[in-house]
């Protein structure tokens, strides 16, 4: 219910800001937008009394209000994505859950310890009590053994998740990328 009320309020702010914006810039007389009724003529009188710099200030404020309300509306109606959790312990006392980001941080830190690896990004797939699948992208410096770096990063990431997090890892896929010497220099500086 609160989400519905907030969205109605934001839509009202957006519409009002848009109307005042075009009226303040003199693009359209207010009576053309709101009619010649009790609101149109007083609004025309207020706008006519404003100086040109005041009109620009009102227009800028209304543009900012419209943009902010539209951004908030988009955020409200964006599809909700629940965090993925892995069950580490399930017993008579309850559950211990670990967020996927925690699993990924442990695996990435471990993969960075592999010889020749200077960058590692590991993603974890799976949820609940199912085994975890890891997908790693590692950056190695030129001249490093690609096979050795990939194999070591794979084993270090798998062992760290199984030992430190307590989850079974079903498989680890490693994408080895050799860093360009210029990029490596920029990254290290």
N, C-alpha and C. Protein backbone atom coordinates (compact mmCIF):
# COMPACT_ATOMS: atom_id res chain seq x y z
N UNK A 1 0.82 -1.19 0.00
CA UNK A 1 0.00 0.00 0.00
C UNK A 1 0.87 1.25 0.00
N UNK A 2 1.91 1.27 0.82
CA UNK A 2 2.80 2.42 0.88
C UNK A 2 3.48 2.64 -0.47
N UNK A 3 3.83 1.54 -1.15
CA UNK A 3 4.45 1.66 -2.46
C UNK A 3 3.50 2.31 -3.46
N UNK A 4 2.21 1.94 -3.39
CA UNK A 4 1.22 2.54 -4.28
C UNK A 4 1.03 4.01 -4.01
N UNK A 5 0.97 4.40 -2.73
CA UNK A 5 0.80 5.82 -2.38
C UNK A 5 2.02 6.63 -2.80
N UNK A 6 3.19 6.06 -2.59
CA UNK A 6 4.42 6.74 -2.99
C UNK A 6 4.47 6.93 -4.51
N UNK A 7 4.05 5.92 -5.25
CA UNK A 7 4.09 6.04 -6.71
C UNK A 7 3.08 7.09 -7.19
N UNK A 8 1.90 7.18 -6.55
CA UNK A 8 0.93 8.21 -6.93
C UNK A 8 1.49 9.59 -6.63
N UNK A 9 2.13 9.75 -5.46
CA UNK A 9 2.73 11.03 -5.10
C UNK A 9 3.82 11.41 -6.09
N UNK A 10 4.68 10.47 -6.46
CA UNK A 10 5.76 10.76 -7.41
C UNK A 10 5.22 11.09 -8.80
N UNK A 11 4.16 10.40 -9.23
CA UNK A 11 3.56 10.72 -10.53
C UNK A 11 2.95 12.12 -10.51
N UNK A 12 2.34 12.51 -9.38
CA UNK A 12 1.77 13.84 -9.26
C UNK A 12 2.87 14.90 -9.30
N UNK A 13 3.95 14.67 -8.59
CA UNK A 13 5.08 15.61 -8.62
C UNK A 13 5.64 15.71 -10.02
N UNK A 14 5.77 14.60 -10.71
CA UNK A 14 6.31 14.62 -12.08
C UNK A 14 5.40 15.41 -13.00
N UNK A 15 4.10 15.15 -12.97
CA UNK A 15 3.17 15.84 -13.86
C UNK A 15 3.11 17.34 -13.55
N UNK A 16 3.04 17.68 -12.27
CA UNK A 16 2.98 19.10 -11.88
C UNK A 16 4.27 19.81 -12.28
N UNK A 17 5.39 19.19 -12.04
CA UNK A 17 6.67 19.80 -12.41
C UNK A 17 6.77 20.00 -13.91
N UNK A 18 6.29 19.05 -14.68
CA UNK A 18 6.35 19.18 -16.14
C UNK A 18 5.46 20.32 -16.62
N UNK A 19 4.27 20.47 -16.04
CA UNK A 19 3.35 21.55 -16.43
C UNK A 19 3.96 22.90 -16.07
N UNK A 20 4.45 23.05 -14.85
CA UNK A 20 5.02 24.32 -14.43
C UNK A 20 6.27 24.64 -15.24
N UNK A 21 7.04 23.63 -15.62
CA UNK A 21 8.24 23.83 -16.44
C UNK A 21 7.89 24.49 -17.77
N UNK A 22 6.93 23.92 -18.50
CA UNK A 22 6.60 24.48 -19.83
C UNK A 22 5.91 25.84 -19.70
N UNK A 23 5.15 26.05 -18.62
CA UNK A 23 4.50 27.36 -18.42
C UNK A 23 5.55 28.40 -18.05
N UNK A 24 6.50 28.05 -17.18
CA UNK A 24 7.53 29.00 -16.75
C UNK A 24 8.41 29.43 -17.90
N UNK A 25 8.67 28.54 -18.82
CA UNK A 25 9.47 28.91 -19.99
C UNK A 25 8.66 29.66 -21.04
N UNK A 26 7.35 29.77 -20.81
CA UNK A 26 6.50 30.48 -21.76
C UNK A 26 6.20 29.71 -23.02
N UNK A 27 6.40 28.43 -22.98
CA UNK A 27 6.16 27.60 -24.15
C UNK A 27 4.67 27.44 -24.41
N UNK A 28 3.89 27.42 -23.34
CA UNK A 28 2.44 27.22 -23.42
C UNK A 28 1.81 28.07 -22.33
N UNK A 29 0.70 28.79 -22.63
CA UNK A 29 0.01 29.50 -21.54
C UNK A 29 -0.66 28.48 -20.61
N UNK A 30 -0.68 28.79 -19.32
CA UNK A 30 -1.22 27.84 -18.36
C UNK A 30 -2.69 27.54 -18.62
N UNK A 31 -3.42 28.51 -19.14
CA UNK A 31 -4.84 28.28 -19.39
C UNK A 31 -5.05 27.18 -20.44
N UNK A 32 -4.05 27.00 -21.33
CA UNK A 32 -4.16 25.94 -22.34
C UNK A 32 -3.98 24.57 -21.71
N UNK A 33 -3.24 24.50 -20.59
CA UNK A 33 -2.99 23.22 -19.95
C UNK A 33 -3.99 22.89 -18.86
N UNK A 34 -4.33 23.87 -18.03
CA UNK A 34 -5.23 23.60 -16.91
C UNK A 34 -6.61 24.20 -17.11
N UNK A 35 -6.85 24.81 -18.25
CA UNK A 35 -8.17 25.40 -18.52
C UNK A 35 -8.24 26.82 -17.98
N UNK A 36 -9.31 27.49 -18.32
CA UNK A 36 -9.49 28.88 -17.90
C UNK A 36 -10.20 28.96 -16.57
N UNK A 37 -10.26 27.86 -15.86
CA UNK A 37 -10.98 27.80 -14.60
C UNK A 37 -10.26 28.52 -13.48
N UNK A 38 -10.55 28.11 -12.27
CA UNK A 38 -10.01 28.82 -11.10
C UNK A 38 -8.50 28.72 -10.95
N UNK A 39 -7.85 27.79 -11.62
CA UNK A 39 -6.40 27.65 -11.48
C UNK A 39 -5.65 28.29 -12.63
N UNK A 40 -6.22 28.28 -13.82
CA UNK A 40 -5.52 28.76 -15.01
C UNK A 40 -5.19 30.23 -14.98
N UNK A 41 -6.18 31.09 -14.70
CA UNK A 41 -5.94 32.54 -14.72
C UNK A 41 -5.00 32.99 -13.61
N UNK A 42 -5.14 32.51 -12.36
CA UNK A 42 -4.17 32.93 -11.34
C UNK A 42 -2.75 32.47 -11.66
N UNK A 43 -2.60 31.28 -12.24
CA UNK A 43 -1.28 30.80 -12.60
C UNK A 43 -0.66 31.67 -13.68
N UNK A 44 -1.47 32.09 -14.67
CA UNK A 44 -0.99 33.01 -15.71
C UNK A 44 -0.53 34.32 -15.09
N UNK A 45 -1.28 34.83 -14.10
CA UNK A 45 -0.91 36.09 -13.45
C UNK A 45 0.41 35.96 -12.69
N UNK A 46 0.60 34.84 -12.00
CA UNK A 46 1.85 34.62 -11.26
C UNK A 46 3.02 34.53 -12.22
N UNK A 47 2.85 33.80 -13.30
CA UNK A 47 3.94 33.63 -14.26
C UNK A 47 4.26 34.95 -14.94
N UNK A 48 3.25 35.76 -15.24
CA UNK A 48 3.48 37.05 -15.88
C UNK A 48 4.25 37.99 -14.96
N UNK A 49 4.08 37.84 -13.65
CA UNK A 49 4.76 38.72 -12.70
C UNK A 49 6.23 38.35 -12.51
N UNK A 50 6.63 37.18 -12.94
CA UNK A 50 8.02 36.73 -12.76
C UNK A 50 8.94 37.38 -13.79
N UNK A 51 10.17 37.69 -13.37
CA UNK A 51 11.17 38.17 -14.32
C UNK A 51 11.69 36.97 -15.12
N UNK A 52 12.44 37.25 -16.16
CA UNK A 52 12.93 36.15 -16.99
C UNK A 52 13.90 35.26 -16.22
N UNK A 53 14.74 35.84 -15.34
CA UNK A 53 15.66 35.01 -14.57
C UNK A 53 14.90 34.18 -13.54
N UNK A 54 13.82 34.74 -12.97
CA UNK A 54 12.99 33.96 -12.04
C UNK A 54 12.33 32.80 -12.77
N UNK A 55 11.90 33.06 -14.01
CA UNK A 55 11.28 31.98 -14.79
C UNK A 55 12.27 30.86 -15.05
N UNK A 56 13.51 31.23 -15.36
CA UNK A 56 14.53 30.19 -15.61
C UNK A 56 14.81 29.41 -14.33
N UNK A 57 14.84 30.08 -13.19
CA UNK A 57 15.06 29.40 -11.93
C UNK A 57 13.93 28.43 -11.61
N UNK A 58 12.69 28.87 -11.83
CA UNK A 58 11.53 27.99 -11.60
C UNK A 58 11.58 26.81 -12.56
N UNK A 59 11.93 27.08 -13.82
CA UNK A 59 12.01 26.00 -14.82
C UNK A 59 13.10 25.00 -14.45
N UNK A 60 14.25 25.48 -13.98
CA UNK A 60 15.34 24.57 -13.58
C UNK A 60 14.92 23.74 -12.38
N UNK A 61 14.27 24.36 -11.39
CA UNK A 61 13.81 23.63 -10.22
C UNK A 61 12.81 22.55 -10.64
N UNK A 62 11.88 22.90 -11.51
CA UNK A 62 10.87 21.95 -11.96
C UNK A 62 11.48 20.81 -12.77
N UNK A 63 12.49 21.14 -13.58
CA UNK A 63 13.16 20.09 -14.35
C UNK A 63 13.85 19.11 -13.41
N UNK A 64 14.50 19.64 -12.37
CA UNK A 64 15.16 18.76 -11.40
C UNK A 64 14.14 17.92 -10.64
N UNK A 65 13.02 18.53 -10.24
CA UNK A 65 11.98 17.78 -9.53
C UNK A 65 11.39 16.69 -10.41
N UNK A 66 11.16 17.01 -11.68
CA UNK A 66 10.61 16.01 -12.60
C UNK A 66 11.60 14.87 -12.81
N UNK A 67 12.88 15.19 -12.99
CA UNK A 67 13.89 14.15 -13.20
C UNK A 67 14.03 13.26 -11.97
N UNK A 68 14.05 13.87 -10.78
CA UNK A 68 14.17 13.10 -9.55
C UNK A 68 12.96 12.20 -9.34
N UNK A 69 11.77 12.72 -9.55
CA UNK A 69 10.58 11.89 -9.35
C UNK A 69 10.52 10.76 -10.37
N UNK A 70 10.95 11.02 -11.61
CA UNK A 70 10.97 9.97 -12.63
C UNK A 70 12.00 8.89 -12.26
N UNK A 71 13.17 9.30 -11.78
CA UNK A 71 14.19 8.33 -11.37
C UNK A 71 13.69 7.47 -10.21
N UNK A 72 13.01 8.08 -9.26
CA UNK A 72 12.47 7.31 -8.14
C UNK A 72 11.37 6.36 -8.60
N UNK A 73 10.54 6.80 -9.54
CA UNK A 73 9.50 5.91 -10.08
C UNK A 73 10.11 4.70 -10.75
N UNK A 74 11.16 4.92 -11.53
CA UNK A 74 11.83 3.81 -12.21
C UNK A 74 12.41 2.86 -11.18
N UNK A 75 13.00 3.40 -10.11
CA UNK A 75 13.59 2.55 -9.07
C UNK A 75 12.51 1.74 -8.35
N UNK A 76 11.35 2.35 -8.12
CA UNK A 76 10.27 1.64 -7.43
C UNK A 76 9.75 0.48 -8.27
N UNK A 77 9.61 0.68 -9.57
CA UNK A 77 9.02 -0.35 -10.41
C UNK A 77 10.04 -1.27 -11.06
N UNK A 78 11.32 -1.13 -10.70
CA UNK A 78 12.35 -2.04 -11.20
C UNK A 78 12.09 -3.42 -10.61
N UNK A 79 12.25 -4.47 -11.39
CA UNK A 79 12.01 -5.81 -10.85
C UNK A 79 12.89 -6.10 -9.65
N UNK A 80 12.31 -6.70 -8.66
CA UNK A 80 13.02 -7.04 -7.43
C UNK A 80 13.84 -8.30 -7.64
N UNK A 81 15.10 -8.26 -7.23
CA UNK A 81 15.97 -9.44 -7.30
C UNK A 81 16.42 -9.79 -5.90
N UNK A 82 16.00 -10.94 -5.47
CA UNK A 82 16.38 -11.38 -4.12
C UNK A 82 17.82 -11.85 -4.13
N UNK A 83 18.50 -11.65 -3.02
CA UNK A 83 19.87 -12.13 -2.88
C UNK A 83 19.87 -13.64 -2.79
N UNK A 84 20.88 -14.26 -3.38
CA UNK A 84 21.02 -15.71 -3.33
C UNK A 84 21.78 -16.07 -2.07
N UNK A 85 21.25 -17.01 -1.32
CA UNK A 85 21.91 -17.47 -0.10
C UNK A 85 22.19 -18.96 -0.19
N UNK A 86 23.26 -19.36 0.43
CA UNK A 86 23.64 -20.76 0.50
C UNK A 86 23.50 -21.22 1.95
N UNK A 87 22.91 -22.38 2.16
CA UNK A 87 22.75 -22.92 3.49
C UNK A 87 24.02 -23.65 3.88
N UNK A 88 24.69 -23.17 4.92
CA UNK A 88 25.92 -23.79 5.38
C UNK A 88 25.60 -24.82 6.47
N UNK A 89 24.72 -24.43 7.40
CA UNK A 89 24.33 -25.33 8.49
C UNK A 89 22.82 -25.32 8.61
N UNK A 90 22.24 -26.50 8.69
CA UNK A 90 20.80 -26.63 8.96
C UNK A 90 20.66 -27.73 10.00
N UNK A 91 20.33 -27.32 11.23
CA UNK A 91 20.16 -28.31 12.29
C UNK A 91 18.98 -27.91 13.16
N UNK A 92 18.83 -28.59 14.30
CA UNK A 92 17.68 -28.34 15.17
C UNK A 92 17.69 -26.94 15.78
N UNK A 93 18.84 -26.24 15.71
CA UNK A 93 18.94 -24.89 16.29
C UNK A 93 18.63 -23.80 15.27
N UNK A 94 18.56 -24.16 13.99
CA UNK A 94 18.26 -23.17 12.96
C UNK A 94 19.17 -23.32 11.76
N UNK A 95 19.38 -22.20 11.06
CA UNK A 95 20.15 -22.20 9.82
C UNK A 95 21.30 -21.20 9.92
N UNK A 96 22.35 -21.46 9.19
CA UNK A 96 23.42 -20.49 8.95
C UNK A 96 23.44 -20.29 7.44
N UNK A 97 23.19 -19.05 7.01
CA UNK A 97 23.14 -18.73 5.59
C UNK A 97 24.32 -17.84 5.22
N UNK A 98 24.84 -18.04 4.03
CA UNK A 98 25.92 -17.19 3.51
C UNK A 98 25.45 -16.61 2.19
N UNK A 99 25.57 -15.30 2.06
CA UNK A 99 25.21 -14.60 0.83
C UNK A 99 26.21 -14.97 -0.27
N UNK A 100 25.77 -14.98 -1.51
CA UNK A 100 26.66 -15.30 -2.64
C UNK A 100 27.86 -14.37 -2.71
N UNK A 101 27.68 -13.10 -2.33
CA UNK A 101 28.79 -12.16 -2.39
C UNK A 101 29.91 -12.58 -1.43
N UNK A 102 29.54 -13.15 -0.30
CA UNK A 102 30.54 -13.64 0.63
C UNK A 102 31.33 -14.80 0.05
N UNK A 103 30.62 -15.74 -0.59
CA UNK A 103 31.28 -16.88 -1.24
C UNK A 103 32.23 -16.37 -2.32
N UNK A 104 31.76 -15.40 -3.13
CA UNK A 104 32.57 -14.86 -4.22
C UNK A 104 33.80 -14.14 -3.69
N UNK A 105 33.65 -13.40 -2.58
CA UNK A 105 34.80 -12.69 -2.01
C UNK A 105 35.87 -13.66 -1.52
N UNK A 106 35.44 -14.73 -0.86
CA UNK A 106 36.39 -15.74 -0.37
C UNK A 106 37.12 -16.40 -1.55
N UNK A 107 36.37 -16.77 -2.58
CA UNK A 107 36.97 -17.44 -3.74
C UNK A 107 37.90 -16.51 -4.51
N UNK A 108 37.52 -15.24 -4.67
CA UNK A 108 38.36 -14.28 -5.40
C UNK A 108 39.67 -14.03 -4.67
N UNK A 109 39.59 -13.86 -3.35
CA UNK A 109 40.80 -13.63 -2.56
C UNK A 109 41.74 -14.82 -2.66
N UNK A 110 41.19 -16.02 -2.66
CA UNK A 110 42.03 -17.22 -2.76
C UNK A 110 42.67 -17.33 -4.14
N UNK A 111 41.91 -17.04 -5.19
CA UNK A 111 42.44 -17.14 -6.55
C UNK A 111 43.57 -16.15 -6.79
N UNK A 112 43.53 -15.02 -6.10
CA UNK A 112 44.60 -14.03 -6.24
C UNK A 112 45.94 -14.52 -5.71
N UNK A 113 45.93 -15.54 -4.88
CA UNK A 113 47.17 -16.08 -4.33
C UNK A 113 47.89 -17.03 -5.30
N UNK A 114 47.26 -17.34 -6.43
CA UNK A 114 47.89 -18.23 -7.41
C UNK A 114 49.07 -17.51 -8.06
N UNK A 115 50.14 -18.24 -8.38
CA UNK A 115 51.32 -17.61 -8.99
C UNK A 115 50.98 -17.00 -10.35
N UNK A 116 51.38 -15.73 -10.53
CA UNK A 116 51.16 -15.05 -11.81
C UNK A 116 49.82 -14.34 -11.91
N UNK A 117 48.91 -14.56 -10.98
CA UNK A 117 47.59 -13.95 -11.05
C UNK A 117 47.64 -12.57 -10.42
N UNK A 118 47.19 -11.55 -11.16
CA UNK A 118 47.17 -10.18 -10.64
C UNK A 118 45.75 -9.64 -10.49
N UNK A 119 44.76 -10.36 -11.02
CA UNK A 119 43.37 -9.92 -10.91
C UNK A 119 42.49 -11.17 -10.93
N UNK A 120 41.45 -11.19 -10.10
CA UNK A 120 40.54 -12.34 -10.07
C UNK A 120 39.14 -11.87 -9.75
N UNK A 121 38.18 -12.39 -10.49
CA UNK A 121 36.77 -12.12 -10.26
C UNK A 121 36.04 -13.46 -10.34
N UNK A 122 35.49 -13.91 -9.22
CA UNK A 122 34.84 -15.22 -9.17
C UNK A 122 33.36 -15.02 -8.89
N UNK A 123 32.51 -15.70 -9.63
CA UNK A 123 31.06 -15.67 -9.43
C UNK A 123 30.62 -17.05 -8.97
N UNK A 124 29.65 -17.06 -8.05
CA UNK A 124 29.12 -18.32 -7.49
C UNK A 124 27.70 -18.53 -7.98
N UNK A 125 27.41 -19.74 -8.43
CA UNK A 125 26.06 -20.11 -8.86
C UNK A 125 25.57 -21.24 -7.97
N UNK A 126 24.28 -21.21 -7.71
CA UNK A 126 23.68 -22.22 -6.85
C UNK A 126 23.04 -21.54 -5.66
N UNK A 127 22.18 -22.26 -4.99
CA UNK A 127 21.54 -21.70 -3.80
C UNK A 127 21.07 -22.84 -2.91
N UNK A 128 20.63 -22.47 -1.73
CA UNK A 128 20.14 -23.48 -0.80
C UNK A 128 21.25 -24.41 -0.38
N UNK A 129 20.97 -25.69 -0.45
CA UNK A 129 21.97 -26.69 -0.04
C UNK A 129 22.65 -27.34 -1.24
N UNK A 130 22.34 -26.87 -2.45
CA UNK A 130 22.94 -27.47 -3.64
C UNK A 130 24.43 -27.12 -3.71
N UNK A 131 25.22 -27.95 -4.37
CA UNK A 131 26.65 -27.64 -4.53
C UNK A 131 26.83 -26.33 -5.30
N UNK A 132 27.90 -25.67 -5.02
CA UNK A 132 28.20 -24.38 -5.64
C UNK A 132 29.02 -24.61 -6.89
N UNK A 133 28.70 -23.83 -7.92
CA UNK A 133 29.49 -23.82 -9.14
C UNK A 133 30.19 -22.48 -9.20
N UNK A 134 31.49 -22.49 -9.38
CA UNK A 134 32.26 -21.26 -9.44
C UNK A 134 32.71 -20.98 -10.87
N UNK A 135 32.62 -19.72 -11.27
CA UNK A 135 33.12 -19.27 -12.57
C UNK A 135 34.10 -18.13 -12.30
N UNK A 136 35.36 -18.36 -12.64
CA UNK A 136 36.40 -17.38 -12.34
C UNK A 136 36.97 -16.80 -13.63
N UNK A 137 37.25 -15.50 -13.58
CA UNK A 137 38.00 -14.83 -14.64
C UNK A 137 39.24 -14.28 -13.96
N UNK A 138 40.40 -14.76 -14.40
CA UNK A 138 41.64 -14.30 -13.79
C UNK A 138 42.49 -13.58 -14.83
N UNK A 139 43.20 -12.58 -14.36
CA UNK A 139 44.15 -11.87 -15.21
C UNK A 139 45.55 -12.21 -14.75
N UNK A 140 46.36 -12.66 -15.68
CA UNK A 140 47.73 -13.03 -15.33
C UNK A 140 48.70 -12.11 -16.08
N UNK A 141 49.88 -11.93 -15.50
CA UNK A 141 50.86 -11.08 -16.16
C UNK A 141 51.51 -11.84 -17.31
N UNK A 142 51.97 -11.11 -18.32
CA UNK A 142 52.63 -11.77 -19.45
C UNK A 142 53.85 -12.54 -18.97
N UNK A 143 54.04 -13.70 -19.49
CA UNK A 143 55.18 -14.53 -19.11
C UNK A 143 54.84 -15.57 -18.05
N UNK A 144 53.65 -15.46 -17.45
CA UNK A 144 53.25 -16.46 -16.46
C UNK A 144 52.76 -17.70 -17.18
N UNK A 145 52.89 -18.83 -16.54
CA UNK A 145 52.38 -20.07 -17.10
C UNK A 145 50.85 -20.05 -17.00
N UNK A 146 50.18 -20.01 -18.12
CA UNK A 146 48.73 -19.90 -18.13
C UNK A 146 48.08 -21.13 -17.52
N UNK A 147 48.59 -22.31 -17.89
CA UNK A 147 48.02 -23.55 -17.35
C UNK A 147 48.21 -23.62 -15.84
N UNK A 148 49.41 -23.30 -15.37
CA UNK A 148 49.69 -23.36 -13.94
C UNK A 148 48.85 -22.33 -13.17
N UNK A 149 48.74 -21.13 -13.70
CA UNK A 149 47.95 -20.08 -13.04
C UNK A 149 46.48 -20.48 -12.97
N UNK A 150 45.95 -21.00 -14.06
CA UNK A 150 44.54 -21.43 -14.08
C UNK A 150 44.28 -22.58 -13.14
N UNK A 151 45.15 -23.55 -13.17
CA UNK A 151 44.97 -24.73 -12.30
C UNK A 151 45.10 -24.33 -10.82
N UNK A 152 46.08 -23.50 -10.49
CA UNK A 152 46.28 -23.08 -9.09
C UNK A 152 45.11 -22.22 -8.61
N UNK A 153 44.65 -21.30 -9.45
CA UNK A 153 43.51 -20.45 -9.07
C UNK A 153 42.28 -21.30 -8.84
N UNK A 154 42.06 -22.29 -9.69
CA UNK A 154 40.91 -23.18 -9.55
C UNK A 154 40.96 -23.92 -8.22
N UNK A 155 42.09 -24.51 -7.90
CA UNK A 155 42.21 -25.29 -6.67
C UNK A 155 42.14 -24.40 -5.42
N UNK A 156 42.78 -23.24 -5.47
CA UNK A 156 42.75 -22.34 -4.32
C UNK A 156 41.33 -21.84 -4.05
N UNK A 157 40.60 -21.48 -5.10
CA UNK A 157 39.22 -21.00 -4.94
C UNK A 157 38.33 -22.11 -4.40
N UNK A 158 38.44 -23.30 -4.98
CA UNK A 158 37.61 -24.44 -4.54
C UNK A 158 37.90 -24.77 -3.08
N UNK A 159 39.18 -24.91 -2.73
CA UNK A 159 39.55 -25.26 -1.36
C UNK A 159 39.10 -24.20 -0.35
N UNK A 160 39.23 -22.94 -0.72
CA UNK A 160 38.84 -21.86 0.20
C UNK A 160 37.34 -21.89 0.47
N UNK A 161 36.54 -22.07 -0.56
CA UNK A 161 35.09 -22.10 -0.36
C UNK A 161 34.70 -23.32 0.47
N UNK A 162 35.29 -24.46 0.18
CA UNK A 162 34.94 -25.67 0.94
C UNK A 162 35.43 -25.59 2.39
N UNK A 163 36.63 -25.04 2.61
CA UNK A 163 37.19 -25.01 3.95
C UNK A 163 36.65 -23.83 4.77
N UNK A 164 36.63 -22.64 4.21
CA UNK A 164 36.26 -21.44 4.96
C UNK A 164 34.75 -21.21 5.03
N UNK A 165 34.03 -21.57 3.96
CA UNK A 165 32.59 -21.35 3.94
C UNK A 165 31.84 -22.60 4.36
N UNK A 166 32.39 -23.76 4.01
CA UNK A 166 31.72 -25.01 4.37
C UNK A 166 30.76 -25.51 3.31
N UNK A 167 30.89 -25.03 2.09
CA UNK A 167 30.02 -25.48 0.99
C UNK A 167 30.78 -26.41 0.07
N UNK A 168 30.08 -27.40 -0.46
CA UNK A 168 30.68 -28.29 -1.45
C UNK A 168 30.69 -27.58 -2.80
N UNK A 169 31.82 -27.62 -3.48
CA UNK A 169 31.97 -27.01 -4.80
C UNK A 169 31.94 -28.12 -5.83
N UNK A 170 30.94 -28.06 -6.73
CA UNK A 170 30.82 -29.12 -7.73
C UNK A 170 31.82 -28.96 -8.86
N UNK A 171 32.03 -27.73 -9.31
CA UNK A 171 33.01 -27.49 -10.37
C UNK A 171 33.43 -26.04 -10.39
N UNK A 172 34.60 -25.79 -10.98
CA UNK A 172 35.14 -24.44 -11.12
C UNK A 172 35.59 -24.27 -12.56
N UNK A 173 35.07 -23.25 -13.21
CA UNK A 173 35.48 -22.91 -14.57
C UNK A 173 36.35 -21.67 -14.49
N UNK A 174 37.52 -21.72 -15.12
CA UNK A 174 38.46 -20.59 -15.05
C UNK A 174 38.72 -20.08 -16.46
N UNK A 175 38.53 -18.78 -16.63
CA UNK A 175 38.85 -18.09 -17.88
C UNK A 175 40.13 -17.30 -17.63
N UNK A 176 41.22 -17.71 -18.28
CA UNK A 176 42.52 -17.06 -18.07
C UNK A 176 42.71 -16.00 -19.14
N UNK A 177 42.99 -14.78 -18.69
CA UNK A 177 43.24 -13.68 -19.61
C UNK A 177 44.61 -13.09 -19.31
N UNK A 178 45.41 -12.94 -20.36
CA UNK A 178 46.74 -12.35 -20.21
C UNK A 178 46.58 -10.84 -20.30
N UNK A 179 47.07 -10.14 -19.28
CA UNK A 179 46.96 -8.69 -19.26
C UNK A 179 47.97 -8.07 -20.20
N UNK A 180 47.53 -7.05 -20.91
CA UNK A 180 48.39 -6.28 -21.79
C UNK A 180 49.43 -5.56 -20.91
N UNK A 181 50.70 -5.56 -21.30
CA UNK A 181 51.72 -4.93 -20.47
C UNK A 181 51.40 -3.47 -20.11
N UNK A 182 50.80 -2.72 -21.04
CA UNK A 182 50.45 -1.33 -20.76
C UNK A 182 49.34 -1.27 -19.70
N UNK A 183 48.33 -2.14 -19.82
CA UNK A 183 47.27 -2.17 -18.82
C UNK A 183 47.82 -2.59 -17.46
N UNK A 184 48.74 -3.54 -17.47
CA UNK A 184 49.35 -3.99 -16.23
C UNK A 184 50.11 -2.84 -15.56
N UNK A 185 50.83 -2.06 -16.35
CA UNK A 185 51.55 -0.90 -15.81
C UNK A 185 50.61 0.12 -15.21
N UNK A 186 49.47 0.38 -15.89
CA UNK A 186 48.48 1.32 -15.34
C UNK A 186 47.85 0.78 -14.07
N UNK A 187 47.60 -0.53 -14.03
CA UNK A 187 46.96 -1.11 -12.86
C UNK A 187 47.89 -1.11 -11.65
N UNK A 188 49.17 -1.28 -11.89
CA UNK A 188 50.13 -1.33 -10.78
C UNK A 188 50.57 0.05 -10.33
N UNK A 189 50.34 1.08 -11.15
CA UNK A 189 50.78 2.43 -10.77
C UNK A 189 49.75 3.17 -9.96
